[in-house]
Amino acid sequence: MIDLLYQWIDLLWLPIGWFAVHKRFRLKTIIFLLSCIFTLRMQVELMESMDKPTGFLTFMDSHVYERGLVVYGILITLFLLLAHFSPRTREIVFLAAAINIYIFSLCLSMIVLCL
């Protein structure tokens, strides 16, 4: 039971994201969060398929999933804080910010996973 909870712990971001942002940004926030969750899973599968469960350089002994959870958790928190404290922003600006933070989180997490 604990293993199942650990494997899907990042889904807890969905209700947090739903209530943290203004009503008109909820759908974009949920899409952003789901994109981050699925991207983390894809990156972990990629690293495991190359038989590198601790990264290429083995700088850290932790599993790539744990490192990915930390990186995505920090960046999702940053995104939700920015979204919460900017309720009057235009929707196109919010979408652009979500895409930029997603691309940044993708690149940063891949660097950290490779370590």
Protein backbone atom coordinates (compact mmCIF):
# COMPACT_ATOMS: atom_id res chain seq x y z
CA MET A 1 0.00 0.00 0.00
CA ILE A 2 2.83 2.40 0.86
CA ASP A 3 4.55 1.64 -2.45
CA LEU A 4 1.39 2.50 -4.36
CA LEU A 5 1.04 5.77 -2.46
CA TYR A 6 4.70 6.61 -3.07
CA GLN A 7 4.35 5.92 -6.78
CA TRP A 8 1.40 8.29 -7.18
CA ILE A 9 2.23 10.91 -4.54
CA ASP A 10 2.60 13.65 -7.15
CA LEU A 11 -1.11 13.42 -7.95
CA LEU A 12 -1.69 15.35 -4.73
CA TRP A 13 -0.72 18.46 -6.69
CA LEU A 14 -4.01 18.30 -8.63
CA PRO A 15 -6.39 19.28 -5.80
CA ILE A 16 -3.83 21.75 -4.45
CA GLY A 17 -3.58 23.36 -7.87
CA TRP A 18 -7.35 23.41 -8.30
CA PHE A 19 -7.88 25.44 -5.13
CA ALA A 20 -4.72 27.55 -5.25
CA VAL A 21 -5.44 29.50 -8.41
CA HIS A 22 -8.19 31.83 -9.60
CA LYS A 23 -11.23 30.18 -11.22
CA ARG A 24 -10.40 31.22 -14.77
CA PHE A 25 -6.92 29.65 -14.57
CA ARG A 26 -7.97 26.28 -13.16
CA LEU A 27 -8.10 24.34 -16.41
CA LYS A 28 -4.71 25.61 -17.56
CA THR A 29 -3.24 24.82 -14.15
CA ILE A 30 -4.54 21.26 -14.19
CA ILE A 31 -3.18 20.75 -17.70
CA PHE A 32 0.19 22.12 -16.57
CA LEU A 33 0.25 19.81 -13.55
CA LEU A 34 -0.73 16.74 -15.58
CA SER A 35 1.95 17.59 -18.14
CA CYS A 36 4.57 17.76 -15.40
CA ILE A 37 3.39 14.48 -13.85
CA PHE A 38 3.43 12.60 -17.15
CA THR A 39 6.75 14.11 -18.17
CA LEU A 40 8.35 12.97 -14.92
CA ARG A 41 7.09 9.45 -15.53
CA MET A 42 8.40 9.53 -19.09
CA GLN A 43 11.84 10.73 -17.96
CA VAL A 44 12.05 8.05 -15.26
CA GLU A 45 11.09 5.36 -17.78
CA LEU A 46 13.71 6.67 -20.18
CA MET A 47 16.44 6.52 -17.56
CA GLU A 48 15.38 3.06 -16.39
CA SER A 49 15.22 1.73 -19.95
CA MET A 50 18.86 2.75 -20.37
CA ASP A 51 19.72 0.85 -17.14
CA LYS A 52 20.65 4.06 -15.34
CA PRO A 53 18.29 4.17 -12.32
CA THR A 54 20.63 6.51 -10.43
CA GLY A 55 21.70 8.68 -13.37
CA PHE A 56 24.58 8.69 -15.81
CA LEU A 57 27.23 10.22 -13.58
CA THR A 58 26.08 8.52 -10.36
CA PHE A 59 26.76 11.71 -8.41
CA MET A 60 23.83 10.91 -6.16
CA ASP A 61 22.74 7.55 -4.84
CA SER A 62 19.04 8.34 -4.91
CA HIS A 63 16.71 6.98 -7.55
CA VAL A 64 15.83 9.26 -10.46
CA TYR A 65 12.14 9.26 -9.48
CA GLU A 66 12.94 10.76 -6.08
CA ARG A 67 15.08 13.48 -7.64
CA GLY A 68 12.40 14.21 -10.21
CA LEU A 69 9.78 14.54 -7.49
CA VAL A 70 11.93 17.12 -5.72
CA VAL A 71 12.66 19.16 -8.86
CA TYR A 72 9.10 19.13 -10.13
CA GLY A 73 7.78 19.77 -6.62
CA ILE A 74 9.87 22.92 -6.25
CA LEU A 75 8.93 24.24 -9.68
CA ILE A 76 5.24 23.39 -9.30
CA THR A 77 5.25 25.21 -5.97
CA LEU A 78 6.84 28.21 -7.65
CA PHE A 79 4.24 28.11 -10.43
CA LEU A 80 1.32 27.86 -8.01
CA LEU A 81 2.64 30.74 -5.92
CA LEU A 82 3.01 32.91 -9.00
CA ALA A 83 -0.44 31.92 -10.22
CA HIS A 84 -2.04 32.57 -6.84
CA PHE A 85 -0.56 36.02 -6.44
CA SER A 86 -1.35 37.21 -9.96
CA PRO A 87 -5.13 36.81 -10.36
CA ARG A 88 -5.53 39.79 -12.71
CA THR A 89 -3.08 38.68 -15.36
CA ARG A 90 -4.34 38.09 -18.87
CA GLU A 91 -5.00 34.50 -19.85
CA ILE A 92 -2.52 34.51 -22.72
CA VAL A 93 0.21 35.73 -20.37
CA PHE A 94 -0.71 32.99 -17.89
CA LEU A 95 -0.53 30.38 -20.63
CA ALA A 96 2.86 31.67 -21.78
CA ALA A 97 4.16 31.56 -18.21
CA ALA A 98 2.89 28.00 -17.80
CA ILE A 99 4.61 26.88 -21.00
CA ASN A 100 7.87 28.59 -20.04
CA ILE A 101 7.92 27.07 -16.57
CA TYR A 102 7.10 23.67 -18.04
CA ILE A 103 9.99 23.85 -20.51
CA PHE A 104 12.32 25.07 -17.75
CA SER A 105 11.23 22.23 -15.46
CA LEU A 106 11.72 19.69 -18.26
CA CYS A 107 15.28 20.86 -18.92
CA LEU A 108 16.24 21.24 -15.26
CA SER A 109 14.83 17.88 -14.27
CA MET A 110 16.66 16.13 -17.09
CA ILE A 111 19.93 17.68 -15.96
CA VAL A 112 19.30 16.64 -12.36
CA LEU A 113 18.21 13.14 -13.41
CA CYS A 114 21.39 12.68 -15.41
CA LEU A 115 23.54 13.52 -12.41
